[in-house]
Amino acid sequence: MDTKAYVYILECNDHTYYTGYTTDVENRLKMHNLGRGAKYTRARRPCRLVYSKACDSKSSAMKLEYKIKQLSRKEKVDLILGVLKEL
């Protein structure tokens, strides 16, 4: 059985968004802000968590992550604000 996973969106210091998945959102945010997260966020610190959603499995989290990465910036903002409900 897969462990519960989460999809998250970070807003970087340059106001761009980074989307990823993890099993521990708080620890992952900490790693991003320490410069040990994704290469993308290293030069864009500090980052802040603006969205997270629990998924039943790593596989479902990865699928949702992919869908979010395909969204336009406006659609991501709508998702973060709760205007866009379903993907």
N, C-alpha and C. Protein backbone atom coordinates (compact mmCIF):
# COMPACT_ATOMS: atom_id res chain seq x y z
N MET A 1 0.85 -1.20 0.00
CA MET A 1 0.00 0.00 0.00
C MET A 1 0.88 1.25 0.00
N ASP A 2 0.50 2.25 -0.78
CA ASP A 2 1.25 3.49 -0.87
C ASP A 2 0.99 4.37 0.35
N THR A 3 2.00 5.17 0.69
CA THR A 3 1.88 6.14 1.76
C THR A 3 1.13 7.36 1.26
N LYS A 4 0.42 8.04 2.15
CA LYS A 4 -0.28 9.27 1.76
C LYS A 4 0.74 10.26 1.23
N ALA A 5 0.40 10.90 0.15
CA ALA A 5 1.28 11.88 -0.48
C ALA A 5 0.52 13.19 -0.66
N TYR A 6 1.25 14.24 -0.86
CA TYR A 6 0.67 15.57 -1.01
C TYR A 6 1.24 16.25 -2.24
N VAL A 7 0.41 17.03 -2.90
CA VAL A 7 0.84 17.92 -3.96
C VAL A 7 0.86 19.31 -3.35
N TYR A 8 1.87 20.08 -3.68
CA TYR A 8 1.96 21.42 -3.10
C TYR A 8 2.41 22.42 -4.15
N ILE A 9 2.07 23.67 -3.91
CA ILE A 9 2.54 24.78 -4.73
C ILE A 9 3.22 25.77 -3.80
N LEU A 10 4.42 26.17 -4.19
CA LEU A 10 5.15 27.19 -3.47
C LEU A 10 5.16 28.46 -4.29
N GLU A 11 5.07 29.59 -3.62
CA GLU A 11 5.32 30.86 -4.29
C GLU A 11 6.74 31.26 -3.94
N CYS A 12 7.56 31.43 -4.96
CA CYS A 12 8.95 31.79 -4.76
C CYS A 12 9.09 33.29 -4.56
N ASN A 13 10.27 33.71 -4.13
CA ASN A 13 10.55 35.11 -3.85
C ASN A 13 10.35 36.00 -5.08
N ASP A 14 10.52 35.42 -6.28
CA ASP A 14 10.33 36.20 -7.51
C ASP A 14 8.89 36.11 -8.04
N HIS A 15 7.99 35.60 -7.20
CA HIS A 15 6.55 35.50 -7.49
C HIS A 15 6.21 34.44 -8.54
N THR A 16 7.13 33.53 -8.80
CA THR A 16 6.83 32.40 -9.66
C THR A 16 6.32 31.27 -8.78
N TYR A 17 5.73 30.27 -9.41
CA TYR A 17 5.20 29.13 -8.67
C TYR A 17 6.00 27.88 -8.98
N TYR A 18 6.18 27.07 -7.94
CA TYR A 18 6.83 25.77 -8.08
C TYR A 18 5.86 24.72 -7.56
N THR A 19 5.64 23.67 -8.32
CA THR A 19 4.73 22.59 -7.93
C THR A 19 5.52 21.31 -7.73
N GLY A 20 5.20 20.59 -6.66
CA GLY A 20 5.87 19.32 -6.40
C GLY A 20 4.97 18.40 -5.60
N TYR A 21 5.52 17.23 -5.24
CA TYR A 21 4.79 16.29 -4.38
C TYR A 21 5.74 15.78 -3.31
N THR A 22 5.17 15.35 -2.20
CA THR A 22 5.96 14.89 -1.07
C THR A 22 5.07 14.09 -0.11
N THR A 23 5.69 13.46 0.86
CA THR A 23 4.93 12.81 1.93
C THR A 23 4.92 13.66 3.19
N ASP A 24 5.72 14.73 3.21
CA ASP A 24 5.83 15.61 4.38
C ASP A 24 5.98 17.06 3.90
N VAL A 25 4.89 17.78 3.84
CA VAL A 25 4.88 19.13 3.28
C VAL A 25 5.76 20.09 4.08
N GLU A 26 5.64 20.07 5.40
CA GLU A 26 6.42 21.00 6.23
C GLU A 26 7.92 20.79 6.06
N ASN A 27 8.35 19.53 6.07
CA ASN A 27 9.77 19.23 5.91
C ASN A 27 10.25 19.61 4.51
N ARG A 28 9.41 19.37 3.50
CA ARG A 28 9.80 19.69 2.13
C ARG A 28 9.96 21.20 1.96
N LEU A 29 9.06 21.98 2.54
CA LEU A 29 9.17 23.44 2.48
C LEU A 29 10.47 23.88 3.15
N LYS A 30 10.77 23.29 4.28
CA LYS A 30 12.01 23.61 4.99
C LYS A 30 13.22 23.32 4.11
N MET A 31 13.22 22.17 3.44
CA MET A 31 14.33 21.80 2.56
C MET A 31 14.47 22.78 1.40
N HIS A 32 13.35 23.18 0.81
CA HIS A 32 13.41 24.18 -0.27
C HIS A 32 14.05 25.46 0.23
N ASN A 33 13.66 25.91 1.41
CA ASN A 33 14.17 27.18 1.94
C ASN A 33 15.60 27.09 2.45
N LEU A 34 16.08 25.88 2.69
CA LEU A 34 17.49 25.69 3.05
C LEU A 34 18.38 25.52 1.81
N GLY A 35 17.76 25.50 0.64
CA GLY A 35 18.52 25.34 -0.59
C GLY A 35 18.78 23.89 -0.95
N ARG A 36 18.11 22.96 -0.28
CA ARG A 36 18.29 21.53 -0.54
C ARG A 36 17.05 20.91 -1.18
N GLY A 37 16.20 21.76 -1.73
CA GLY A 37 15.03 21.29 -2.45
C GLY A 37 15.36 21.22 -3.93
N ALA A 38 14.44 21.59 -4.74
CA ALA A 38 14.63 21.57 -6.19
C ALA A 38 15.60 22.66 -6.63
N LYS A 39 16.31 22.39 -7.71
CA LYS A 39 17.24 23.36 -8.27
C LYS A 39 16.52 24.67 -8.59
N TYR A 40 15.28 24.58 -9.07
CA TYR A 40 14.50 25.76 -9.44
C TYR A 40 14.35 26.71 -8.26
N THR A 41 14.10 26.19 -7.07
CA THR A 41 13.81 27.05 -5.92
C THR A 41 15.07 27.57 -5.22
N ARG A 42 16.22 26.97 -5.48
CA ARG A 42 17.45 27.39 -4.79
C ARG A 42 17.76 28.86 -4.96
N ALA A 43 17.60 29.37 -6.17
CA ALA A 43 17.91 30.77 -6.44
C ALA A 43 16.71 31.68 -6.23
N ARG A 44 15.60 31.12 -5.79
CA ARG A 44 14.37 31.89 -5.65
C ARG A 44 13.83 31.87 -4.22
N ARG A 45 14.71 31.68 -3.27
CA ARG A 45 14.30 31.63 -1.87
C ARG A 45 14.11 33.03 -1.30
N PRO A 46 13.31 33.20 -0.27
CA PRO A 46 12.52 32.16 0.38
C PRO A 46 11.24 31.86 -0.39
N CYS A 47 10.75 30.66 -0.16
CA CYS A 47 9.50 30.21 -0.76
C CYS A 47 8.45 30.10 0.34
N ARG A 48 7.21 30.26 -0.06
CA ARG A 48 6.13 30.06 0.93
C ARG A 48 5.09 29.13 0.33
N LEU A 49 4.52 28.33 1.20
CA LEU A 49 3.50 27.38 0.79
C LEU A 49 2.19 28.13 0.54
N VAL A 50 1.61 27.95 -0.66
CA VAL A 50 0.35 28.61 -0.98
C VAL A 50 -0.77 27.63 -1.26
N TYR A 51 -0.43 26.33 -1.44
CA TYR A 51 -1.45 25.33 -1.74
C TYR A 51 -0.90 23.95 -1.42
N SER A 52 -1.75 23.12 -0.86
CA SER A 52 -1.40 21.70 -0.73
C SER A 52 -2.69 20.88 -0.73
N LYS A 53 -2.58 19.67 -1.24
CA LYS A 53 -3.73 18.77 -1.29
C LYS A 53 -3.25 17.36 -1.02
N ALA A 54 -3.93 16.67 -0.12
CA ALA A 54 -3.61 15.29 0.19
C ALA A 54 -4.13 14.38 -0.91
N CYS A 55 -3.34 13.37 -1.24
CA CYS A 55 -3.72 12.36 -2.23
C CYS A 55 -3.59 10.99 -1.57
N ASP A 56 -4.28 10.02 -2.13
CA ASP A 56 -4.27 8.67 -1.55
C ASP A 56 -2.98 7.91 -1.78
N SER A 57 -2.22 8.29 -2.79
CA SER A 57 -1.00 7.55 -3.12
C SER A 57 0.00 8.46 -3.83
N LYS A 58 1.23 7.99 -3.91
CA LYS A 58 2.26 8.72 -4.63
C LYS A 58 1.86 8.86 -6.09
N SER A 59 1.31 7.79 -6.65
CA SER A 59 0.90 7.80 -8.04
C SER A 59 -0.16 8.88 -8.32
N SER A 60 -1.17 8.97 -7.46
CA SER A 60 -2.21 9.98 -7.67
C SER A 60 -1.65 11.39 -7.45
N ALA A 61 -0.70 11.54 -6.53
CA ALA A 61 -0.07 12.84 -6.31
C ALA A 61 0.74 13.26 -7.53
N MET A 62 1.45 12.32 -8.12
CA MET A 62 2.25 12.62 -9.31
C MET A 62 1.36 13.00 -10.49
N LYS A 63 0.22 12.34 -10.62
CA LYS A 63 -0.71 12.67 -11.70
C LYS A 63 -1.29 14.06 -11.51
N LEU A 64 -1.65 14.40 -10.28
CA LEU A 64 -2.18 15.72 -10.00
C LEU A 64 -1.10 16.79 -10.20
N GLU A 65 0.12 16.50 -9.76
CA GLU A 65 1.23 17.42 -9.97
C GLU A 65 1.38 17.74 -11.47
N TYR A 66 1.33 16.71 -12.30
CA TYR A 66 1.44 16.91 -13.74
C TYR A 66 0.32 17.81 -14.26
N LYS A 67 -0.91 17.56 -13.81
CA LYS A 67 -2.04 18.38 -14.25
C LYS A 67 -1.86 19.84 -13.86
N ILE A 68 -1.40 20.06 -12.63
CA ILE A 68 -1.19 21.44 -12.17
C ILE A 68 -0.10 22.12 -12.99
N LYS A 69 0.96 21.40 -13.30
CA LYS A 69 2.04 21.98 -14.09
C LYS A 69 1.60 22.36 -15.50
N GLN A 70 0.52 21.78 -15.99
CA GLN A 70 -0.01 22.11 -17.31
C GLN A 70 -0.89 23.36 -17.29
N LEU A 71 -1.28 23.82 -16.10
CA LEU A 71 -2.16 24.99 -15.98
C LEU A 71 -1.42 26.28 -16.30
N SER A 72 -2.17 27.26 -16.75
CA SER A 72 -1.61 28.60 -16.94
C SER A 72 -1.43 29.24 -15.55
N ARG A 73 -0.70 30.32 -15.52
CA ARG A 73 -0.51 31.02 -14.25
C ARG A 73 -1.85 31.45 -13.66
N LYS A 74 -2.75 31.98 -14.51
CA LYS A 74 -4.06 32.40 -14.02
C LYS A 74 -4.83 31.23 -13.43
N GLU A 75 -4.78 30.09 -14.07
CA GLU A 75 -5.47 28.90 -13.56
C GLU A 75 -4.86 28.44 -12.23
N LYS A 76 -3.54 28.57 -12.09
CA LYS A 76 -2.89 28.22 -10.81
C LYS A 76 -3.34 29.17 -9.71
N VAL A 77 -3.43 30.45 -10.03
CA VAL A 77 -3.92 31.43 -9.05
C VAL A 77 -5.34 31.09 -8.65
N ASP A 78 -6.18 30.75 -9.62
CA ASP A 78 -7.56 30.36 -9.32
C ASP A 78 -7.60 29.12 -8.43
N LEU A 79 -6.73 28.16 -8.68
CA LEU A 79 -6.65 26.96 -7.85
C LEU A 79 -6.25 27.32 -6.42
N ILE A 80 -5.24 28.17 -6.29
CA ILE A 80 -4.76 28.60 -4.97
C ILE A 80 -5.86 29.34 -4.22
N LEU A 81 -6.60 30.19 -4.92
CA LEU A 81 -7.67 30.97 -4.29
C LEU A 81 -8.95 30.17 -4.05
N GLY A 82 -8.99 28.95 -4.59
CA GLY A 82 -10.17 28.12 -4.39
C GLY A 82 -11.26 28.32 -5.42
N VAL A 83 -10.98 29.13 -6.45
CA VAL A 83 -11.96 29.38 -7.51
C VAL A 83 -12.04 28.17 -8.43
N LEU A 84 -10.88 27.60 -8.76
CA LEU A 84 -10.81 26.42 -9.61
C LEU A 84 -10.83 25.21 -8.68
N LYS A 85 -11.90 24.44 -8.72
CA LYS A 85 -12.09 23.34 -7.77
C LYS A 85 -11.53 22.01 -8.25
N GLU A 86 -11.83 21.66 -9.48
CA GLU A 86 -11.49 20.33 -9.99
C GLU A 86 -10.46 20.41 -11.11
N LEU A 87 -9.62 19.41 -11.16
CA LEU A 87 -8.66 19.30 -12.26
C LEU A 87 -8.94 18.07 -13.07
